[in-house]
Every structure is written in structure tokens, then in C-alpha cells.
Amino acid sequence: MSVILDISRVGIEFPTPNGAFRALRDVDLKIRQGEYISLIGHSGCGKSTVLN
């Protein structure tokens, strides 16, 4: 099956008054045609950030 979504080495930092906050580092994800996935985790762990 072919890969329809390929996320490679995604990372992001947000500035805070106490310095940078690293929300994501080196996230990799491949989704193939016909697969169903679920991103789970506690509030603020970066689920929406990955998708955006």
C-alpha cells in the first residue's frame, strides 16, 4: 500500500517567559492507504500541533 501521509522529524518550540518550551521533537509518522489511526495523549502533549 502507498503512503498517503508522511511526517518526518517534526519539531516545534514555543517561547515562554522562562525560556523555550519544546512541544515536539523528531516526530515521525507514516500512514498508508486504508489504515486507521488515533492520536491519543493528555491535554497539551502536541496532538493538534502535529496535525497542524
Protein backbone atom coordinates (compact mmCIF):
# COMPACT_ATOMS: atom_id res chain seq x y z
CA MET A 1 0.00 0.00 0.00
CA SER A 2 1.16 3.53 -0.71
CA VAL A 3 1.93 6.10 1.97
CA ILE A 4 -0.67 8.90 1.93
CA LEU A 5 0.74 10.92 4.85
CA ASP A 6 4.42 11.08 5.77
CA ILE A 7 5.50 13.22 8.72
CA SER A 8 9.26 13.16 9.26
CA ARG A 9 11.33 14.71 12.04
CA VAL A 10 8.72 17.32 13.03
CA GLY A 11 9.57 19.55 15.94
CA ILE A 12 8.42 22.85 17.40
CA GLU A 13 9.32 25.13 20.29
CA PHE A 14 7.19 27.87 21.82
CA PRO A 15 8.59 30.92 23.63
CA THR A 16 7.64 31.31 27.29
CA PRO A 17 8.70 33.81 29.95
CA ASN A 18 11.00 31.10 31.35
CA GLY A 19 12.61 30.25 28.01
CA ALA A 20 11.68 28.00 25.12
CA PHE A 21 9.26 25.10 25.65
CA ARG A 22 9.88 22.18 23.29
CA ALA A 23 6.47 20.74 22.46
CA LEU A 24 7.65 18.21 19.87
CA ARG A 25 10.99 16.75 18.84
CA ASP A 26 11.76 14.36 15.98
CA VAL A 27 8.20 13.08 15.47
CA ASP A 28 7.87 10.53 12.65
CA LEU A 29 4.59 9.11 11.34
CA LYS A 30 3.63 7.27 8.17
CA ILE A 31 0.03 6.45 7.33
CA ARG A 32 -0.71 4.10 4.47
CA GLN A 33 -3.84 3.98 2.38
CA GLY A 34 -6.59 2.06 4.19
CA GLU A 35 -5.08 2.45 7.68
CA TYR A 36 -6.97 3.98 10.58
CA ILE A 37 -5.00 5.72 13.30
CA SER A 38 -5.69 7.50 16.55
CA LEU A 39 -3.52 10.11 18.25
CA ILE A 40 -4.02 9.89 21.98
CA GLY A 41 -2.42 11.68 24.90
CA HIS A 42 -3.07 14.11 27.70
CA SER A 43 -4.03 17.71 27.11
CA GLY A 44 -1.13 19.77 25.84
CA CYS A 45 1.06 16.89 24.65
CA GLY A 46 1.16 18.05 21.00
CA LYS A 47 -1.57 16.09 19.21
CA SER A 48 -3.10 19.11 17.47
CA THR A 49 0.34 20.63 16.88
CA VAL A 50 1.38 17.56 14.87
CA LEU A 51 -1.77 17.73 12.75
CA ASN A 52 -1.47 21.47 12.16
